[in-house]
Amino acid sequence: MTGIAAFFVGLAFALGLGLGGMTQPARVLGFLDVAGDWDPSLALVMAGAIGVYGTAFPFVLRRRRPLLAAAFQVPTRRDVDGRLVTGALVFGVGWGLAGLCPGPALAALASGDLRAVIFVAAMLSGMAAHRLAEHRAAAAAARTHAPSAGAGVGRSHDA
């Protein structure tokens, strides 16, 4: 049931992005061009989303639990660290260069736009590279903190 609900919510999101023109990189780049021919349409889409969220979310949180999950998944961290800032900078640079971010890029795949296909392929490659780097860093940290194999297990240099 949650998969079906996720599908329809994603479909509504994609339709909203498409209807608002947010799958067109020129719209995003026009929004970011504040010193030139600025296009405020992205700000209007954001304002609409924030309005819906701001109005509905307090009512949703009054429920004991979501309709299709055991508990709400609300972030609890409020700190800003170097990792968050770095991620935000990389995201912003990618967004500004390509005119796409993940949601609109996935929605734009339906149009068959080659730029969206390349963007999504690059995005997935970046996600895989990040996951691999995280995995290797965790493995290296585990090796550093773990006792060495064979330490104190009857080795002798006297032989």
Foldseek 3Di string as FASTA:
>chain_A
DVVVVVVVVLVVLLVLCVVLVLLPLVLLLLCVPPVPNHRCSVVVSVVVVVVVCVVCVVVQVVDPAHPPDPHDDDDDDDDDDPVNVVVVVVQVVVCNVLSDHVSSLVSCVVVVPPSSVVVVVVVVVVVVVVVVVVVVVVVVVCCVPDPDPPVPPPDDPPD
